[in-house]
Amino acid sequence: MQDASASANWLQELLSLMGYSTSVNTHLLEASPEQAASNSKNYWLEISTDGLQEQQIQRLIGQDGIVIDSLQYLANTLLNSHLPSDLNQSASQPQNHNFYTVELNGYRSKYLANLNELAEKAVQQVRETQTEFAIKNLSSADRRYIHQFLESFPDIQTYSQGKEPNRHLIVKLVQV
């Protein structure tokens, strides 16, 4: 749990430098089979609302979640900085790349529920039309989340297509 403690301390220190006096709680979520095989972990970093005013909470979330998304991006980049810059290492060398999700006042939970709904609608459309469906305008973290979410649908396959900033997620039926 050393990573969990270090991640909470890092985010709490960053928030303090930004002028916010609050604490951060960390929860370890269950990893997907491929993450478990690579020793990766999913950490949920929850910023406590204790001591924060509503206006401060809104500033930390930002318009359309831009601030909380930026905090999450920083967490994932900096807390994984121990990794070599060449991410194309051989499979025999585990990466131990951890995934960090930053939560504040239920924002991320609601956002992920909306992503689940979007993914389920895409699956429904793919099943009904028997054609591929593209989900556009997703961040790389959102694409990864939907890929993982749809792993539990045995008749559905997903992949990403295109180059940033026009990369999108394709949902299609598994070819038998």
C-alpha atoms as a PDB file:
ATOM      1  CA  MET A   1       0.000   0.000   0.000  1.00  0.00           C
ATOM      2  CA  GLN A   2       3.037   2.238  -0.302  1.00  0.00           C
ATOM      3  CA  ASP A   3       1.786   3.538  -3.683  1.00  0.00           C
ATOM      4  CA  ALA A   4      -1.595   4.380  -2.140  1.00  0.00           C
ATOM      5  CA  SER A   5      -0.062   6.390   0.673  1.00  0.00           C
ATOM      6  CA  ALA A   6       2.374   8.148  -1.654  1.00  0.00           C
ATOM      7  CA  SER A   7      -0.394   9.047  -4.107  1.00  0.00           C
ATOM      8  CA  ALA A   8      -2.638  10.458  -1.376  1.00  0.00           C
ATOM      9  CA  ASN A   9       0.250  12.464   0.078  1.00  0.00           C
ATOM     10  CA  TRP A  10       1.200  13.793  -3.363  1.00  0.00           C
ATOM     11  CA  LEU A  11      -2.346  14.966  -4.174  1.00  0.00           C
ATOM     12  CA  GLN A  12      -2.861  16.441  -0.712  1.00  0.00           C
ATOM     13  CA  GLU A  13       0.403  18.398  -1.034  1.00  0.00           C
ATOM     14  CA  LEU A  14      -0.593  19.651  -4.502  1.00  0.00           C
ATOM     15  CA  LEU A  15      -3.976  20.787  -3.194  1.00  0.00           C
ATOM     16  CA  SER A  16      -2.255  22.528  -0.289  1.00  0.00           C
ATOM     17  CA  LEU A  17       0.038  24.373  -2.712  1.00  0.00           C
ATOM     18  CA  MET A  18      -3.103  25.440  -4.602  1.00  0.00           C
ATOM     19  CA  GLY A  19      -4.505  26.896  -1.372  1.00  0.00           C
ATOM     20  CA  TYR A  20      -6.974  24.129  -0.468  1.00  0.00           C
ATOM     21  CA  SER A  21      -6.890  22.719   3.041  1.00  0.00           C
ATOM     22  CA  THR A  22      -8.370  19.235   2.764  1.00  0.00           C
ATOM     23  CA  SER A  23      -7.419  15.585   2.970  1.00  0.00           C
ATOM     24  CA  VAL A  24      -7.277  12.776   0.416  1.00  0.00           C
ATOM     25  CA  ASN A  25      -8.454   9.213   1.006  1.00  0.00           C
ATOM     26  CA  THR A  26      -7.230   6.362  -1.172  1.00  0.00           C
ATOM     27  CA  HIS A  27      -9.049   3.176  -2.117  1.00  0.00           C
ATOM     28  CA  LEU A  28      -7.619   0.298  -4.099  1.00  0.00           C
ATOM     29  CA  LEU A  29     -10.018  -1.008  -6.741  1.00  0.00           C
ATOM     30  CA  GLU A  30      -9.938  -4.454  -8.276  1.00  0.00           C
ATOM     31  CA  ALA A  31      -7.693  -4.638 -11.331  1.00  0.00           C
ATOM     32  CA  SER A  32      -8.743  -6.171 -14.630  1.00  0.00           C
ATOM     33  CA  PRO A  33      -7.054  -9.524 -15.480  1.00  0.00           C
ATOM     34  CA  GLU A  34      -4.567  -7.857 -17.830  1.00  0.00           C
ATOM     35  CA  GLN A  35      -3.694  -5.240 -15.190  1.00  0.00           C
ATOM     36  CA  ALA A  36      -3.247  -7.949 -12.552  1.00  0.00           C
ATOM     37  CA  ALA A  37      -0.880  -9.812 -14.885  1.00  0.00           C
ATOM     38  CA  SER A  38       1.264  -6.681 -15.254  1.00  0.00           C
ATOM     39  CA  ASN A  39       1.185  -5.855 -11.509  1.00  0.00           C
ATOM     40  CA  SER A  40      -0.813  -2.673 -12.205  1.00  0.00           C
ATOM     41  CA  LYS A  41      -3.239  -1.290  -9.650  1.00  0.00           C
ATOM     42  CA  ASN A  42      -6.259   1.024  -9.795  1.00  0.00           C
ATOM     43  CA  TYR A  43      -6.240   3.712  -7.118  1.00  0.00           C
ATOM     44  CA  TRP A  44      -9.223   5.923  -6.370  1.00  0.00           C
ATOM     45  CA  LEU A  45      -8.026   9.236  -4.853  1.00  0.00           C
ATOM     46  CA  GLU A  46     -10.979  10.868  -3.117  1.00  0.00           C
ATOM     47  CA  ILE A  47     -10.621  14.525  -2.161  1.00  0.00           C
ATOM     48  CA  SER A  48     -12.536  15.182   1.051  1.00  0.00           C
ATOM     49  CA  THR A  49     -15.089  17.993   0.943  1.00  0.00           C
ATOM     50  CA  ASP A  50     -14.511  18.680   4.663  1.00  0.00           C
ATOM     51  CA  GLY A  51     -13.239  22.220   5.024  1.00  0.00           C
ATOM     52  CA  LEU A  52     -14.090  23.126   1.425  1.00  0.00           C
ATOM     53  CA  GLN A  53     -16.762  25.627   0.491  1.00  0.00           C
ATOM     54  CA  GLU A  54     -19.124  24.927  -2.437  1.00  0.00           C
ATOM     55  CA  GLN A  55     -17.334  27.505  -4.575  1.00  0.00           C
ATOM     56  CA  GLN A  56     -13.969  25.796  -3.902  1.00  0.00           C
ATOM     57  CA  ILE A  57     -15.422  22.405  -4.836  1.00  0.00           C
ATOM     58  CA  GLN A  58     -16.744  23.856  -8.108  1.00  0.00           C
ATOM     59  CA  ARG A  59     -13.348  25.435  -8.856  1.00  0.00           C
ATOM     60  CA  LEU A  60     -11.579  22.111  -8.242  1.00  0.00           C
ATOM     61  CA  ILE A  61     -13.965  20.323 -10.590  1.00  0.00           C
ATOM     62  CA  GLY A  62     -13.895  23.119 -13.190  1.00  0.00           C
ATOM     63  CA  GLN A  63     -16.163  23.681 -16.162  1.00  0.00           C
ATOM     64  CA  ASP A  64     -16.991  20.306 -17.739  1.00  0.00           C
ATOM     65  CA  GLY A  65     -14.534  18.674 -15.289  1.00  0.00           C
ATOM     66  CA  ILE A  66     -11.448  20.262 -16.812  1.00  0.00           C
ATOM     67  CA  VAL A  67      -9.653  20.884 -13.491  1.00  0.00           C
ATOM     68  CA  ILE A  68     -10.354  17.488 -11.927  1.00  0.00           C
ATOM     69  CA  ASP A  69      -9.392  15.830 -15.234  1.00  0.00           C
ATOM     70  CA  SER A  70      -6.128  17.789 -15.209  1.00  0.00           C
ATOM     71  CA  LEU A  71      -5.437  16.698 -11.619  1.00  0.00           C
ATOM     72  CA  GLN A  72      -6.082  13.106 -12.678  1.00  0.00           C
ATOM     73  CA  TYR A  73      -3.786  13.470 -15.698  1.00  0.00           C
ATOM     74  CA  LEU A  74      -1.027  14.896 -13.488  1.00  0.00           C
ATOM     75  CA  ALA A  75      -1.488  12.066 -10.998  1.00  0.00           C
ATOM     76  CA  ASN A  76      -1.208   9.420 -13.700  1.00  0.00           C
ATOM     77  CA  THR A  77       1.809  11.084 -15.299  1.00  0.00           C
ATOM     78  CA  LEU A  78       3.812  12.014 -12.222  1.00  0.00           C
ATOM     79  CA  LEU A  79       2.981   9.033 -10.025  1.00  0.00           C
ATOM     80  CA  ASN A  80       4.096   6.707 -12.822  1.00  0.00           C
ATOM     81  CA  SER A  81       7.269   8.676 -13.553  1.00  0.00           C
ATOM     82  CA  HIS A  82       9.332   5.750 -12.212  1.00  0.00           C
ATOM     83  CA  LEU A  83       8.610   3.934 -15.483  1.00  0.00           C
ATOM     84  CA  PRO A  84      11.137   3.970 -18.318  1.00  0.00           C
ATOM     85  CA  SER A  85      10.236   6.396 -21.093  1.00  0.00           C
ATOM     86  CA  ASP A  86      10.172   3.524 -23.601  1.00  0.00           C
ATOM     87  CA  LEU A  87       6.781   1.956 -22.953  1.00  0.00           C
ATOM     88  CA  ASN A  88       7.427  -0.607 -25.711  1.00  0.00           C
ATOM     89  CA  GLN A  89       9.458  -2.850 -23.446  1.00  0.00           C
ATOM     90  CA  SER A  90       9.206  -6.585 -23.850  1.00  0.00           C
ATOM     91  CA  ALA A  91       6.388  -8.414 -22.090  1.00  0.00           C
ATOM     92  CA  SER A  92       8.917 -10.150 -19.852  1.00  0.00           C
ATOM     93  CA  GLN A  93       9.526  -6.868 -18.024  1.00  0.00           C
ATOM     94  CA  PRO A  94       6.363  -5.923 -16.085  1.00  0.00           C
ATOM     95  CA  GLN A  95       5.520  -2.222 -16.231  1.00  0.00           C
ATOM     96  CA  ASN A  96       3.759  -1.792 -12.875  1.00  0.00           C
ATOM     97  CA  HIS A  97       1.865   1.140 -14.399  1.00  0.00           C
ATOM     98  CA  ASN A  98      -0.775   2.209 -11.886  1.00  0.00           C
ATOM     99  CA  PHE A  99      -4.025   3.964 -12.751  1.00  0.00           C
ATOM    100  CA  TYR A 100      -5.254   6.877 -10.633  1.00  0.00           C
ATOM    101  CA  THR A 101      -8.813   8.198 -10.582  1.00  0.00           C
ATOM    102  CA  VAL A 102      -9.449  11.510  -8.813  1.00  0.00           C
ATOM    103  CA  GLU A 103     -12.885  11.916  -7.218  1.00  0.00           C
ATOM    104  CA  LEU A 104     -14.492  14.954  -5.625  1.00  0.00           C
ATOM    105  CA  ASN A 105     -18.056  15.304  -4.352  1.00  0.00           C
ATOM    106  CA  GLY A 106     -19.351  12.402  -6.474  1.00  0.00           C
ATOM    107  CA  TYR A 107     -18.315  14.040  -9.771  1.00  0.00           C
ATOM    108  CA  ARG A 108     -16.279  11.113 -11.097  1.00  0.00           C
ATOM    109  CA  SER A 109     -18.883   8.513 -10.031  1.00  0.00           C
ATOM    110  CA  LYS A 110     -21.600  10.384 -11.935  1.00  0.00           C
ATOM    111  CA  TYR A 111     -19.309  10.845 -14.917  1.00  0.00           C
ATOM    112  CA  LEU A 112     -18.447   7.129 -15.034  1.00  0.00           C
ATOM    113  CA  ALA A 113     -22.142   6.245 -14.755  1.00  0.00           C
ATOM    114  CA  ASN A 114     -22.725   8.425 -17.851  1.00  0.00           C
ATOM    115  CA  LEU A 115     -19.880   6.619 -19.661  1.00  0.00           C
ATOM    116  CA  ASN A 116     -21.469   3.260 -18.767  1.00  0.00           C
ATOM    117  CA  GLU A 117     -24.783   4.469 -20.171  1.00  0.00           C
ATOM    118  CA  LEU A 118     -23.085   5.666 -23.369  1.00  0.00           C
ATOM    119  CA  ALA A 119     -21.309   2.310 -23.767  1.00  0.00           C
ATOM    120  CA  GLU A 120     -24.512   0.332 -23.173  1.00  0.00           C
ATOM    121  CA  LYS A 121     -26.364   2.425 -25.769  1.00  0.00           C
ATOM    122  CA  ALA A 122     -23.547   1.766 -28.252  1.00  0.00           C
ATOM    123  CA  VAL A 123     -23.795  -1.982 -27.566  1.00  0.00           C
ATOM    124  CA  GLN A 124     -27.559  -1.877 -28.053  1.00  0.00           C
ATOM    125  CA  GLN A 125     -27.198  -0.052 -31.368  1.00  0.00           C
ATOM    126  CA  VAL A 126     -24.472  -2.439 -32.583  1.00  0.00           C
ATOM    127  CA  ARG A 127     -26.643  -5.448 -31.736  1.00  0.00           C
ATOM    128  CA  GLU A 128     -29.694  -3.949 -33.430  1.00  0.00           C
ATOM    129  CA  THR A 129     -27.971  -2.725 -36.605  1.00  0.00           C
ATOM    130  CA  GLN A 130     -25.215  -5.379 -36.823  1.00  0.00           C
ATOM    131  CA  THR A 131     -22.802  -2.555 -37.748  1.00  0.00           C
ATOM    132  CA  GLU A 132     -19.868  -0.892 -36.024  1.00  0.00           C
ATOM    133  CA  PHE A 133     -20.487   2.169 -33.890  1.00  0.00           C
ATOM    134  CA  ALA A 134     -17.913   4.940 -33.300  1.00  0.00           C
ATOM    135  CA  ILE A 135     -17.846   6.828 -30.014  1.00  0.00           C
ATOM    136  CA  LYS A 136     -16.076  10.137 -30.592  1.00  0.00           C
ATOM    137  CA  ASN A 137     -14.716  12.889 -28.367  1.00  0.00           C
ATOM    138  CA  LEU A 138     -13.380  10.652 -25.587  1.00  0.00           C
ATOM    139  CA  SER A 139     -10.183  11.204 -23.675  1.00  0.00           C
ATOM    140  CA  SER A 140      -7.690   8.335 -23.624  1.00  0.00           C
ATOM    141  CA  ALA A 141      -8.768   7.588 -20.037  1.00  0.00           C
ATOM    142  CA  ASP A 142     -12.435   7.448 -21.102  1.00  0.00           C
ATOM    143  CA  ARG A 143     -11.582   5.119 -24.007  1.00  0.00           C
ATOM    144  CA  ARG A 144      -9.623   2.839 -21.655  1.00  0.00           C
ATOM    145  CA  TYR A 145     -12.526   2.828 -19.199  1.00  0.00           C
ATOM    146  CA  ILE A 146     -15.064   1.847 -21.875  1.00  0.00           C
ATOM    147  CA  HIS A 147     -12.703  -0.819 -23.278  1.00  0.00           C
ATOM    148  CA  GLN A 148     -12.514  -2.348 -19.789  1.00  0.00           C
ATOM    149  CA  PHE A 149     -16.251  -1.963 -19.139  1.00  0.00           C
ATOM    150  CA  LEU A 150     -17.184  -3.724 -22.389  1.00  0.00           C
ATOM    151  CA  GLU A 151     -14.780  -6.639 -21.769  1.00  0.00           C
ATOM    152  CA  SER A 152     -17.647  -8.289 -19.880  1.00  0.00           C
ATOM    153  CA  PHE A 153     -19.805  -8.367 -23.045  1.00  0.00           C
ATOM    154  CA  PRO A 154     -18.773 -11.626 -24.790  1.00  0.00           C
ATOM    155  CA  ASP A 155     -20.339 -10.701 -28.139  1.00  0.00           C
ATOM    156  CA  ILE A 156     -18.734  -7.231 -28.264  1.00  0.00           C
ATOM    157  CA  GLN A 157     -15.264  -6.141 -29.336  1.00  0.00           C
ATOM    158  CA  THR A 158     -13.722  -2.673 -29.018  1.00  0.00           C
ATOM    159  CA  TYR A 159     -10.682  -0.957 -30.447  1.00  0.00           C
ATOM    160  CA  SER A 160      -9.410   2.589 -30.854  1.00  0.00           C
ATOM    161  CA  GLN A 161      -8.934   4.122 -34.273  1.00  0.00           C
ATOM    162  CA  GLY A 162      -7.369   7.312 -35.585  1.00  0.00           C
ATOM    163  CA  LYS A 163      -4.796   9.689 -34.162  1.00  0.00           C
ATOM    164  CA  GLU A 164      -5.152  12.252 -31.399  1.00  0.00           C
ATOM    165  CA  PRO A 165      -7.030  14.552 -31.233  1.00  0.00           C
ATOM    166  CA  ASN A 166      -9.370  12.658 -33.596  1.00  0.00           C
ATOM    167  CA  ARG A 167      -8.990   9.211 -32.029  1.00  0.00           C
ATOM    168  CA  HIS A 168     -12.257   7.401 -31.342  1.00  0.00           C
ATOM    169  CA  LEU A 169     -13.471   4.100 -29.959  1.00  0.00           C
ATOM    170  CA  ILE A 170     -15.108   1.522 -32.209  1.00  0.00           C
ATOM    171  CA  VAL A 171     -17.678  -0.908 -30.797  1.00  0.00           C
ATOM    172  CA  LYS A 172     -18.534  -3.917 -32.931  1.00  0.00           C
ATOM    173  CA  LEU A 173     -19.858  -7.462 -32.775  1.00  0.00           C
ATOM    174  CA  VAL A 174     -17.338 -10.267 -32.376  1.00  0.00           C
ATOM    175  CA  GLN A 175     -16.873 -12.105 -35.659  1.00  0.00           C
ATOM    176  CA  VAL A 176     -17.546 -15.848 -35.298  1.00  0.00           C
END
